[in-house]
Protein backbone atom coordinates (compact mmCIF):
# COMPACT_ATOMS: atom_id res chain seq x y z
CA MET A 1 0.00 0.00 0.00
CA MET A 2 1.11 3.54 -0.69
CA ILE A 3 -0.16 6.49 1.29
CA MET A 4 0.20 10.13 0.25
CA VAL A 5 -0.65 13.10 2.47
CA LEU A 6 -2.43 15.77 0.45
CA GLU A 7 -3.22 18.28 3.23
CA GLY A 8 -2.52 18.54 6.93
CA ALA A 9 -0.19 16.34 8.95
CA MET A 10 -0.36 12.84 10.35
CA ARG A 11 1.64 10.26 12.22
CA MET A 12 1.98 6.76 10.82
CA GLU A 13 3.13 3.81 12.87
CA VAL A 14 4.50 0.92 10.80
CA ASP A 15 5.70 -2.19 12.60
CA GLY A 16 6.18 -0.19 15.80
CA ILE A 17 8.14 2.70 14.26
CA GLU A 18 6.49 6.15 14.10
CA TYR A 19 6.84 8.48 11.12
CA ASP A 20 5.61 12.07 10.90
CA MET A 21 4.10 12.93 7.52
CA THR A 22 3.13 16.33 6.18
CA ALA A 23 1.43 17.48 2.97
CA GLY A 24 3.39 16.30 -0.05
CA THR A 25 4.97 13.27 1.60
CA ALA A 26 4.38 9.63 0.70
CA MET A 27 5.14 6.24 2.21
CA ILE A 28 5.04 2.67 0.98
CA ILE A 29 3.83 0.24 3.61
CA PRO A 30 5.20 -3.28 3.09
CA PRO A 31 2.77 -6.17 2.61
CA PHE A 32 1.38 -7.54 5.87
CA ALA A 33 3.06 -4.81 7.97
CA MET A 34 1.02 -3.79 11.00
CA HIS A 35 0.22 -0.11 10.58
CA ARG A 36 -2.02 2.68 11.79
CA GLY A 37 -2.19 6.41 11.27
CA TYR A 38 -3.88 9.44 12.73
CA ALA A 39 -4.05 13.20 12.21
CA VAL A 40 -1.82 15.46 14.27
CA GLY A 41 -2.21 19.19 14.74
CA ASP A 42 -5.34 21.26 14.71
CA LYS A 43 -6.53 20.69 11.14
CA PRO A 44 -7.85 17.58 9.41
CA VAL A 45 -5.63 15.46 7.24
CA SER A 46 -6.52 14.56 3.67
CA LEU A 47 -4.77 11.56 2.18
CA MET A 48 -4.81 9.11 -0.69
CA GLU A 49 -4.25 5.38 -0.31
CA ILE A 50 -3.27 3.19 -3.24
CA PHE A 51 -3.68 -0.57 -3.02
CA ALA A 52 -2.26 -3.17 -5.38
CA PRO A 53 -3.78 -5.56 -5.97
CA PRO A 54 -7.17 -3.97 -5.18
CA ARG A 55 -8.70 -5.10 -1.92
CA ARG A 56 -11.90 -6.98 -2.67
CA TYR A 57 -13.64 -5.79 0.50
CA TYR A 58 -13.30 -2.16 -0.68
CA LEU A 59 -14.80 -2.71 -4.15
CA HIS A 60 -18.30 -1.82 -2.89
CA LEU A 61 -17.03 1.72 -2.31
CA VAL A 62 -16.66 2.27 -6.07
CA ALA A 63 -19.83 0.45 -7.14
CA TYR A 64 -21.52 3.77 -7.93
CA GLN A 65 -19.01 4.26 -10.74
CA GLN A 66 -20.76 1.45 -12.62
CA GLU A 67 -23.87 3.61 -13.19
CA GLU A 68 -25.08 4.26 -16.73
CA PHE A 69 -24.62 7.97 -17.40
CA GLY A 70 -26.19 7.98 -20.87
CA ASP A 71 -23.14 9.48 -22.56
CA ASN A 72 -21.62 6.41 -24.22
CA ARG A 73 -19.75 5.19 -21.15
CA ARG A 74 -21.07 1.65 -21.51
CA GLY A 75 -17.74 0.43 -22.93
CA LEU A 76 -15.92 1.98 -19.98
CA ASP A 77 -18.34 0.31 -17.57
CA GLN A 78 -17.82 -3.08 -19.23
CA GLY A 79 -14.05 -2.65 -19.07
CA ARG A 80 -14.28 -1.62 -15.42
CA ALA A 81 -16.44 -4.66 -14.66
CA ARG A 82 -13.86 -6.97 -16.25
CA PHE A 83 -11.10 -5.28 -14.24
CA LEU A 84 -13.03 -5.71 -10.98
CA GLU A 85 -13.68 -9.38 -11.72
CA GLN A 86 -10.01 -9.97 -12.49
CA ALA A 87 -8.93 -8.05 -9.39
CA ALA A 88 -11.28 -10.07 -7.19
CA GLY A 89 -9.87 -13.30 -8.64
CA SER A 90 -6.32 -12.09 -8.03
CA VAL A 91 -7.09 -11.31 -4.39
CA GLU A 92 -8.79 -14.68 -3.89
CA ARG A 93 -5.75 -16.48 -5.34
CA GLN A 94 -3.43 -14.51 -3.04
CA GLN A 95 -5.56 -15.44 -0.04
CA GLY A 96 -5.76 -19.07 -1.13
CA THR A 97 -9.56 -19.03 -1.35
CA VAL A 98 -9.67 -20.33 -4.94
CA ASP A 99 -7.59 -22.75 -6.98
CA ALA A 100 -4.98 -21.04 -9.18
């Protein structure tokens, strides 16, 4: 996972080591590393998290992007659906829940 701080400041703890992060900084968190983060200071923190492969249990958060908008996005929606199916299969294989 990669985390980027867009605004504000936060403290990340990764495998017991604390890191202070401010706007414009990024961090890669190793697979399976125990981690947590929280805002520091008096203003909220805005951040972006990037997961690879996608985490299946977060896919419902982007389900709204599958809506038909009536402006010829059907091909994009079909491509996105194929991507989500492939991503879910990849995650299941990593977790050993399906045969490879």
